[in-house]
Amino acid sequence: MSAEPARAIELFEQALELWRGEALAGLDSPWAVATRELLARQLLAAELDVTDLRLQLGRHAALVPELVERAAEHPLDERPPGN
């Protein structure tokens, strides 16, 4: 297998480690709410992308607890249970 997925996982993990709580917490302006929602969607997309890469590398068993939790948090999102 190419080193590219492993390197991508490493970069995703570094980026995700920088995330700290809810974006713009405590702000209720329309701009803050919209930006917070956008950032939450982007965070979820990054988490799903790194999960896809981990699955490509055969890390299935280690991902089961994470996938179960994510499916419970986002019951209408078809991607976590589909992984």
PDB file of N, CA and C in Angstrom:
ATOM      1  N   MET A   1       0.849  -1.184   0.000  1.00  0.00           N
ATOM      2  CA  MET A   1       0.000   0.000   0.000  1.00  0.00           C
ATOM      3  C   MET A   1       0.889   1.239   0.000  1.00  0.00           C
ATOM      4  N   SER A   2       0.457   2.231  -0.667  1.00  0.00           N
ATOM      5  CA  SER A   2       1.170   3.492  -0.780  1.00  0.00           C
ATOM      6  C   SER A   2       1.267   4.193   0.571  1.00  0.00           C
ATOM      7  N   ALA A   3       2.281   4.991   0.740  1.00  0.00           N
ATOM      8  CA  ALA A   3       2.448   5.756   1.976  1.00  0.00           C
ATOM      9  C   ALA A   3       1.504   6.952   2.019  1.00  0.00           C
ATOM     10  N   GLU A   4       0.858   7.268   0.894  1.00  0.00           N
ATOM     11  CA  GLU A   4      -0.004   8.450   0.847  1.00  0.00           C
ATOM     12  C   GLU A   4      -1.178   8.396   1.815  1.00  0.00           C
ATOM     13  N   PRO A   5      -1.938   7.288   1.898  1.00  0.00           N
ATOM     14  CA  PRO A   5      -3.030   7.265   2.887  1.00  0.00           C
ATOM     15  C   PRO A   5      -2.522   7.410   4.324  1.00  0.00           C
ATOM     16  N   ALA A   6      -1.413   6.778   4.634  1.00  0.00           N
ATOM     17  CA  ALA A   6      -0.861   6.886   5.986  1.00  0.00           C
ATOM     18  C   ALA A   6      -0.458   8.326   6.288  1.00  0.00           C
ATOM     19  N   ARG A   7       0.132   8.987   5.332  1.00  0.00           N
ATOM     20  CA  ARG A   7       0.531  10.390   5.522  1.00  0.00           C
ATOM     21  C   ARG A   7      -0.704  11.277   5.650  1.00  0.00           C
ATOM     22  N   ALA A   8      -1.726  11.003   4.855  1.00  0.00           N
ATOM     23  CA  ALA A   8      -2.970  11.774   4.943  1.00  0.00           C
ATOM     24  C   ALA A   8      -3.602  11.600   6.311  1.00  0.00           C
ATOM     25  N   ILE A   9      -3.602  10.375   6.837  1.00  0.00           N
ATOM     26  CA  ILE A   9      -4.144  10.131   8.174  1.00  0.00           C
ATOM     27  C   ILE A   9      -3.378  10.944   9.204  1.00  0.00           C
ATOM     28  N   GLU A  10      -2.079  10.933   9.093  1.00  0.00           N
ATOM     29  CA  GLU A  10      -1.238  11.692  10.025  1.00  0.00           C
ATOM     30  C   GLU A  10      -1.598  13.183   9.999  1.00  0.00           C
ATOM     31  N   LEU A  11      -1.776  13.736   8.811  1.00  0.00           N
ATOM     32  CA  LEU A  11      -2.107  15.155   8.690  1.00  0.00           C
ATOM     33  C   LEU A  11      -3.509  15.451   9.212  1.00  0.00           C
ATOM     34  N   PHE A  12      -4.469  14.574   8.906  1.00  0.00           N
ATOM     35  CA  PHE A  12      -5.821  14.740   9.440  1.00  0.00           C
ATOM     36  C   PHE A  12      -5.789  14.721  10.965  1.00  0.00           C
ATOM     37  N   GLU A  13      -5.062  13.755  11.536  1.00  0.00           N
ATOM     38  CA  GLU A  13      -5.002  13.648  12.999  1.00  0.00           C
ATOM     39  C   GLU A  13      -4.387  14.899  13.620  1.00  0.00           C
ATOM     40  N   GLN A  14      -3.352  15.426  13.009  1.00  0.00           N
ATOM     41  CA  GLN A  14      -2.748  16.670  13.512  1.00  0.00           C
ATOM     42  C   GLN A  14      -3.755  17.813  13.478  1.00  0.00           C
ATOM     43  N   ALA A  15      -4.478  17.921  12.370  1.00  0.00           N
ATOM     44  CA  ALA A  15      -5.463  18.995  12.240  1.00  0.00           C
ATOM     45  C   ALA A  15      -6.604  18.821  13.245  1.00  0.00           C
ATOM     46  N   LEU A  16      -7.101  17.602  13.394  1.00  0.00           N
ATOM     47  CA  LEU A  16      -8.217  17.354  14.302  1.00  0.00           C
ATOM     48  C   LEU A  16      -7.828  17.582  15.756  1.00  0.00           C
ATOM     49  N   GLU A  17      -6.566  17.359  16.090  1.00  0.00           N
ATOM     50  CA  GLU A  17      -6.093  17.623  17.456  1.00  0.00           C
ATOM     51  C   GLU A  17      -6.126  19.106  17.796  1.00  0.00           C
ATOM     52  N   LEU A  18      -6.139  19.962  16.798  1.00  0.00           N
ATOM     53  CA  LEU A  18      -6.179  21.409  17.031  1.00  0.00           C
ATOM     54  C   LEU A  18      -7.577  21.910  17.371  1.00  0.00           C
ATOM     55  N   TRP A  19      -8.605  21.105  17.085  1.00  0.00           N
ATOM     56  CA  TRP A  19      -9.983  21.510  17.321  1.00  0.00           C
ATOM     57  C   TRP A  19     -10.240  21.595  18.815  1.00  0.00           C
ATOM     58  N   ARG A  20     -10.847  22.710  19.263  1.00  0.00           N
ATOM     59  CA  ARG A  20     -11.128  22.920  20.684  1.00  0.00           C
ATOM     60  C   ARG A  20     -12.583  23.327  20.874  1.00  0.00           C
ATOM     61  N   GLY A  21     -13.435  22.424  21.222  1.00  0.00           N
ATOM     62  CA  GLY A  21     -14.813  22.735  21.568  1.00  0.00           C
ATOM     63  C   GLY A  21     -15.630  23.328  20.437  1.00  0.00           C
ATOM     64  N   GLU A  22     -16.750  23.916  20.833  1.00  0.00           N
ATOM     65  CA  GLU A  22     -17.678  24.497  19.873  1.00  0.00           C
ATOM     66  C   GLU A  22     -17.146  25.842  19.363  1.00  0.00           C
ATOM     67  N   ALA A  23     -17.152  25.996  18.067  1.00  0.00           N
ATOM     68  CA  ALA A  23     -16.681  27.245  17.463  1.00  0.00           C
ATOM     69  C   ALA A  23     -17.624  28.387  17.828  1.00  0.00           C
ATOM     70  N   LEU A  24     -17.055  29.522  18.141  1.00  0.00           N
ATOM     71  CA  LEU A  24     -17.811  30.745  18.415  1.00  0.00           C
ATOM     72  C   LEU A  24     -18.857  30.545  19.519  1.00  0.00           C
ATOM     73  N   ALA A  25     -18.519  29.719  20.487  1.00  0.00           N
ATOM     74  CA  ALA A  25     -19.443  29.432  21.585  1.00  0.00           C
ATOM     75  C   ALA A  25     -19.854  30.731  22.274  1.00  0.00           C
ATOM     76  N   GLY A  26     -21.121  30.818  22.583  1.00  0.00           N
ATOM     77  CA  GLY A  26     -21.637  31.983  23.293  1.00  0.00           C
ATOM     78  C   GLY A  26     -22.061  33.131  22.397  1.00  0.00           C
ATOM     79  N   LEU A  27     -21.818  33.035  21.117  1.00  0.00           N
ATOM     80  CA  LEU A  27     -22.223  34.082  20.185  1.00  0.00           C
ATOM     81  C   LEU A  27     -23.490  33.641  19.464  1.00  0.00           C
ATOM     82  N   ASP A  28     -24.473  34.548  19.381  1.00  0.00           N
ATOM     83  CA  ASP A  28     -25.757  34.184  18.792  1.00  0.00           C
ATOM     84  C   ASP A  28     -26.145  35.000  17.569  1.00  0.00           C
ATOM     85  N   SER A  29     -25.232  35.744  17.010  1.00  0.00           N
ATOM     86  CA  SER A  29     -25.587  36.512  15.822  1.00  0.00           C
ATOM     87  C   SER A  29     -25.844  35.550  14.663  1.00  0.00           C
ATOM     88  N   PRO A  30     -26.592  35.960  13.659  1.00  0.00           N
ATOM     89  CA  PRO A  30     -26.827  35.079  12.508  1.00  0.00           C
ATOM     90  C   PRO A  30     -25.516  34.603  11.861  1.00  0.00           C
ATOM     91  N   TRP A  31     -24.542  35.497  11.766  1.00  0.00           N
ATOM     92  CA  TRP A  31     -23.258  35.123  11.176  1.00  0.00           C
ATOM     93  C   TRP A  31     -22.569  34.059  12.035  1.00  0.00           C
ATOM     94  N   ALA A  32     -22.550  34.241  13.356  1.00  0.00           N
ATOM     95  CA  ALA A  32     -21.889  33.289  14.245  1.00  0.00           C
ATOM     96  C   ALA A  32     -22.562  31.925  14.180  1.00  0.00           C
ATOM     97  N   VAL A  33     -23.870  31.905  14.176  1.00  0.00           N
ATOM     98  CA  VAL A  33     -24.614  30.640  14.109  1.00  0.00           C
ATOM     99  C   VAL A  33     -24.322  29.928  12.790  1.00  0.00           C
ATOM    100  N   ALA A  34     -24.374  30.653  11.692  1.00  0.00           N
ATOM    101  CA  ALA A  34     -24.115  30.050  10.379  1.00  0.00           C
ATOM    102  C   ALA A  34     -22.680  29.547  10.282  1.00  0.00           C
ATOM    103  N   THR A  35     -21.741  30.328  10.786  1.00  0.00           N
ATOM    104  CA  THR A  35     -20.330  29.936  10.745  1.00  0.00           C
ATOM    105  C   THR A  35     -20.089  28.725  11.632  1.00  0.00           C
ATOM    106  N   ARG A  36     -20.684  28.700  12.805  1.00  0.00           N
ATOM    107  CA  ARG A  36     -20.554  27.560  13.724  1.00  0.00           C
ATOM    108  C   ARG A  36     -21.081  26.283  13.058  1.00  0.00           C
ATOM    109  N   GLU A  37     -22.232  26.376  12.393  1.00  0.00           N
ATOM    110  CA  GLU A  37     -22.808  25.214  11.708  1.00  0.00           C
ATOM    111  C   GLU A  37     -21.909  24.751  10.562  1.00  0.00           C
ATOM    112  N   LEU A  38     -21.375  25.704   9.805  1.00  0.00           N
ATOM    113  CA  LEU A  38     -20.469  25.365   8.708  1.00  0.00           C
ATOM    114  C   LEU A  38     -19.225  24.654   9.234  1.00  0.00           C
ATOM    115  N   LEU A  39     -18.635  25.191  10.292  1.00  0.00           N
ATOM    116  CA  LEU A  39     -17.432  24.586  10.853  1.00  0.00           C
ATOM    117  C   LEU A  39     -17.722  23.202  11.431  1.00  0.00           C
ATOM    118  N   ALA A  40     -18.886  23.025  12.033  1.00  0.00           N
ATOM    119  CA  ALA A  40     -19.253  21.705  12.563  1.00  0.00           C
ATOM    120  C   ALA A  40     -19.383  20.692  11.423  1.00  0.00           C
ATOM    121  N   ARG A  41     -19.962  21.112  10.297  1.00  0.00           N
ATOM    122  CA  ARG A  41     -20.077  20.220   9.139  1.00  0.00           C
ATOM    123  C   ARG A  41     -18.701  19.878   8.567  1.00  0.00           C
ATOM    124  N   GLN A  42     -17.811  20.864   8.541  1.00  0.00           N
ATOM    125  CA  GLN A  42     -16.461  20.624   8.030  1.00  0.00           C
ATOM    126  C   GLN A  42     -15.684  19.691   8.961  1.00  0.00           C
ATOM    127  N   LEU A  43     -15.881  19.856  10.263  1.00  0.00           N
ATOM    128  CA  LEU A  43     -15.232  18.962  11.222  1.00  0.00           C
ATOM    129  C   LEU A  43     -15.709  17.526  11.014  1.00  0.00           C
ATOM    130  N   LEU A  44     -17.008  17.348  10.905  1.00  0.00           N
ATOM    131  CA  LEU A  44     -17.555  16.009  10.678  1.00  0.00           C
ATOM    132  C   LEU A  44     -17.014  15.433   9.367  1.00  0.00           C
ATOM    133  N   ALA A  45     -16.955  16.225   8.332  1.00  0.00           N
ATOM    134  CA  ALA A  45     -16.425  15.748   7.046  1.00  0.00           C
ATOM    135  C   ALA A  45     -14.979  15.286   7.192  1.00  0.00           C
ATOM    136  N   ALA A  46     -14.176  16.028   7.931  1.00  0.00           N
ATOM    137  CA  ALA A  46     -12.784  15.635   8.145  1.00  0.00           C
ATOM    138  C   ALA A  46     -12.706  14.331   8.933  1.00  0.00           C
ATOM    139  N   GLU A  47     -13.549  14.194   9.953  1.00  0.00           N
ATOM    140  CA  GLU A  47     -13.574  12.959  10.740  1.00  0.00           C
ATOM    141  C   GLU A  47     -13.976  11.766   9.864  1.00  0.00           C
ATOM    142  N   LEU A  48     -14.951  11.969   9.005  1.00  0.00           N
ATOM    143  CA  LEU A  48     -15.376  10.893   8.118  1.00  0.00           C
ATOM    144  C   LEU A  48     -14.306  10.556   7.077  1.00  0.00           C
ATOM    145  N   ASP A  49     -13.627  11.570   6.575  1.00  0.00           N
ATOM    146  CA  ASP A  49     -12.569  11.326   5.596  1.00  0.00           C
ATOM    147  C   ASP A  49     -11.417  10.519   6.206  1.00  0.00           C
ATOM    148  N   VAL A  50     -11.016  10.872   7.430  1.00  0.00           N
ATOM    149  CA  VAL A  50      -9.922  10.127   8.056  1.00  0.00           C
ATOM    150  C   VAL A  50     -10.377   8.709   8.393  1.00  0.00           C
ATOM    151  N   THR A  51     -11.640   8.533   8.722  1.00  0.00           N
ATOM    152  CA  THR A  51     -12.165   7.187   8.953  1.00  0.00           C
ATOM    153  C   THR A  51     -12.088   6.367   7.670  1.00  0.00           C
ATOM    154  N   ASP A  52     -12.467   6.955   6.557  1.00  0.00           N
ATOM    155  CA  ASP A  52     -12.377   6.258   5.270  1.00  0.00           C
ATOM    156  C   ASP A  52     -10.937   5.810   4.988  1.00  0.00           C
ATOM    157  N   LEU A  53      -9.991   6.688   5.265  1.00  0.00           N
ATOM    158  CA  LEU A  53      -8.587   6.343   5.029  1.00  0.00           C
ATOM    159  C   LEU A  53      -8.139   5.212   5.951  1.00  0.00           C
ATOM    160  N   ARG A  54      -8.560   5.253   7.206  1.00  0.00           N
ATOM    161  CA  ARG A  54      -8.200   4.176   8.137  1.00  0.00           C
ATOM    162  C   ARG A  54      -8.776   2.842   7.664  1.00  0.00           C
ATOM    163  N   LEU A  55      -9.995   2.884   7.153  1.00  0.00           N
ATOM    164  CA  LEU A  55     -10.603   1.661   6.627  1.00  0.00           C
ATOM    165  C   LEU A  55      -9.828   1.135   5.424  1.00  0.00           C
ATOM    166  N   GLN A  56      -9.355   2.038   4.575  1.00  0.00           N
ATOM    167  CA  GLN A  56      -8.551   1.628   3.413  1.00  0.00           C
ATOM    168  C   GLN A  56      -7.298   0.884   3.846  1.00  0.00           C
ATOM    169  N   LEU A  57      -6.779   1.257   5.024  1.00  0.00           N
ATOM    170  CA  LEU A  57      -5.565   0.607   5.520  1.00  0.00           C
ATOM    171  C   LEU A  57      -5.874  -0.621   6.366  1.00  0.00           C
ATOM    172  N   GLY A  58      -7.156  -1.019   6.425  1.00  0.00           N
ATOM    173  CA  GLY A  58      -7.517  -2.246   7.110  1.00  0.00           C
ATOM    174  C   GLY A  58      -7.667  -2.137   8.613  1.00  0.00           C
ATOM    175  N   ARG A  59      -7.906  -0.956   9.121  1.00  0.00           N
ATOM    176  CA  ARG A  59      -8.028  -0.751  10.571  1.00  0.00           C
ATOM    177  C   ARG A  59      -9.486  -0.874  11.027  1.00  0.00           C
ATOM    178  N   HIS A  60     -10.175  -1.854  10.508  1.00  0.00           N
ATOM    179  CA  HIS A  60     -11.612  -2.004  10.737  1.00  0.00           C
ATOM    180  C   HIS A  60     -11.964  -2.199  12.208  1.00  0.00           C
ATOM    181  N   ALA A  61     -11.364  -3.159  12.850  1.00  0.00           N
ATOM    182  CA  ALA A  61     -11.729  -3.507  14.231  1.00  0.00           C
ATOM    183  C   ALA A  61     -11.537  -2.328  15.175  1.00  0.00           C
ATOM    184  N   ALA A  62     -10.479  -1.581  14.995  1.00  0.00           N
ATOM    185  CA  ALA A  62     -10.201  -0.445  15.877  1.00  0.00           C
ATOM    186  C   ALA A  62     -11.224   0.671  15.711  1.00  0.00           C
ATOM    187  N   LEU A  63     -11.907   0.701  14.579  1.00  0.00           N
ATOM    188  CA  LEU A  63     -12.857   1.780  14.291  1.00  0.00           C
ATOM    189  C   LEU A  63     -14.281   1.499  14.757  1.00  0.00           C
ATOM    190  N   VAL A  64     -14.575   0.273  15.142  1.00  0.00           N
ATOM    191  CA  VAL A  64     -15.952  -0.079  15.491  1.00  0.00           C
ATOM    192  C   VAL A  64     -16.530   0.828  16.577  1.00  0.00           C
ATOM    193  N   PRO A  65     -15.861   1.039  17.713  1.00  0.00           N
ATOM    194  CA  PRO A  65     -16.452   1.910  18.737  1.00  0.00           C
ATOM    195  C   PRO A  65     -16.705   3.335  18.232  1.00  0.00           C
ATOM    196  N   GLU A  66     -15.763   3.865  17.469  1.00  0.00           N
ATOM    197  CA  GLU A  66     -15.912   5.214  16.915  1.00  0.00           C
ATOM    198  C   GLU A  66     -17.094   5.286  15.950  1.00  0.00           C
ATOM    199  N   LEU A  67     -17.249   4.283  15.108  1.00  0.00           N
ATOM    200  CA  LEU A  67     -18.339   4.282  14.142  1.00  0.00           C
ATOM    201  C   LEU A  67     -19.694   4.132  14.821  1.00  0.00           C
ATOM    202  N   VAL A  68     -19.764   3.320  15.860  1.00  0.00           N
ATOM    203  CA  VAL A  68     -21.015   3.157  16.601  1.00  0.00           C
ATOM    204  C   VAL A  68     -21.404   4.478  17.252  1.00  0.00           C
ATOM    205  N   GLU A  69     -20.433   5.142  17.873  1.00  0.00           N
ATOM    206  CA  GLU A  69     -20.693   6.435  18.519  1.00  0.00           C
ATOM    207  C   GLU A  69     -21.126   7.485  17.494  1.00  0.00           C
ATOM    208  N   ARG A  70     -20.428   7.547  16.390  1.00  0.00           N
ATOM    209  CA  ARG A  70     -20.751   8.540  15.365  1.00  0.00           C
ATOM    210  C   ARG A  70     -22.139   8.286  14.772  1.00  0.00           C
ATOM    211  N   ALA A  71     -22.485   7.032  14.553  1.00  0.00           N
ATOM    212  CA  ALA A  71     -23.813   6.706  14.021  1.00  0.00           C
ATOM    213  C   ALA A  71     -24.901   7.115  15.011  1.00  0.00           C
ATOM    214  N   ALA A  72     -24.638   6.972  16.305  1.00  0.00           N
ATOM    215  CA  ALA A  72     -25.611   7.390  17.316  1.00  0.00           C
ATOM    216  C   ALA A  72     -25.741   8.911  17.357  1.00  0.00           C
ATOM    217  N   GLU A  73     -24.636   9.621  17.177  1.00  0.00           N
ATOM    218  CA  GLU A  73     -24.651  11.091  17.192  1.00  0.00           C
ATOM    219  C   GLU A  73     -25.313  11.672  15.958  1.00  0.00           C
ATOM    220  N   HIS A  74     -25.214  10.972  14.846  1.00  0.00           N
ATOM    221  CA  HIS A  74     -25.739  11.455  13.564  1.00  0.00           C
ATOM    222  C   HIS A  74     -26.608  10.365  12.925  1.00  0.00           C
ATOM    223  N   PRO A  75     -27.764  10.084  13.527  1.00  0.00           N
ATOM    224  CA  PRO A  75     -28.564   8.942  13.059  1.00  0.00           C
ATOM    225  C   PRO A  75     -29.093   9.066  11.628  1.00  0.00           C
ATOM    226  N   LEU A  76     -29.184  10.267  11.106  1.00  0.00           N
ATOM    227  CA  LEU A  76     -29.696  10.438   9.740  1.00  0.00           C
ATOM    228  C   LEU A  76     -28.598  10.460   8.686  1.00  0.00           C
ATOM    229  N   ASP A  77     -27.348  10.478   9.122  1.00  0.00           N
ATOM    230  CA  ASP A  77     -26.211  10.480   8.200  1.00  0.00           C
ATOM    231  C   ASP A  77     -25.912   9.033   7.824  1.00  0.00           C
ATOM    232  N   GLU A  78     -25.987   8.719   6.554  1.00  0.00           N
ATOM    233  CA  GLU A  78     -25.790   7.346   6.104  1.00  0.00           C
ATOM    234  C   GLU A  78     -24.324   6.935   6.008  1.00  0.00           C
ATOM    235  N   ARG A  79     -23.420   7.869   6.044  1.00  0.00           N
ATOM    236  CA  ARG A  79     -22.010   7.526   5.825  1.00  0.00           C
ATOM    237  C   ARG A  79     -21.400   6.711   6.975  1.00  0.00           C
ATOM    238  N   PRO A  80     -21.570   7.086   8.269  1.00  0.00           N
ATOM    239  CA  PRO A  80     -20.936   6.276   9.317  1.00  0.00           C
ATOM    240  C   PRO A  80     -21.346   4.807   9.307  1.00  0.00           C
ATOM    241  N   PRO A  81     -22.652   4.470   9.263  1.00  0.00           N
ATOM    242  CA  PRO A  81     -22.978   3.047   9.260  1.00  0.00           C
ATOM    243  C   PRO A  81     -22.563   2.350   7.971  1.00  0.00           C
ATOM    244  N   GLY A  82     -22.450   3.115   6.901  1.00  0.00           N
ATOM    245  CA  GLY A  82     -22.037   2.535   5.624  1.00  0.00           C
ATOM    246  C   GLY A  82     -20.570   2.192   5.568  1.00  0.00           C
ATOM    247  N   ASN A  83     -19.776   2.831   6.427  1.00  0.00           N
ATOM    248  CA  ASN A  83     -18.339   2.549   6.441  1.00  0.00           C
ATOM    249  C   ASN A  83     -18.145   1.115   6.881  1.00  0.00           C
TER     250      ASN A  83
END
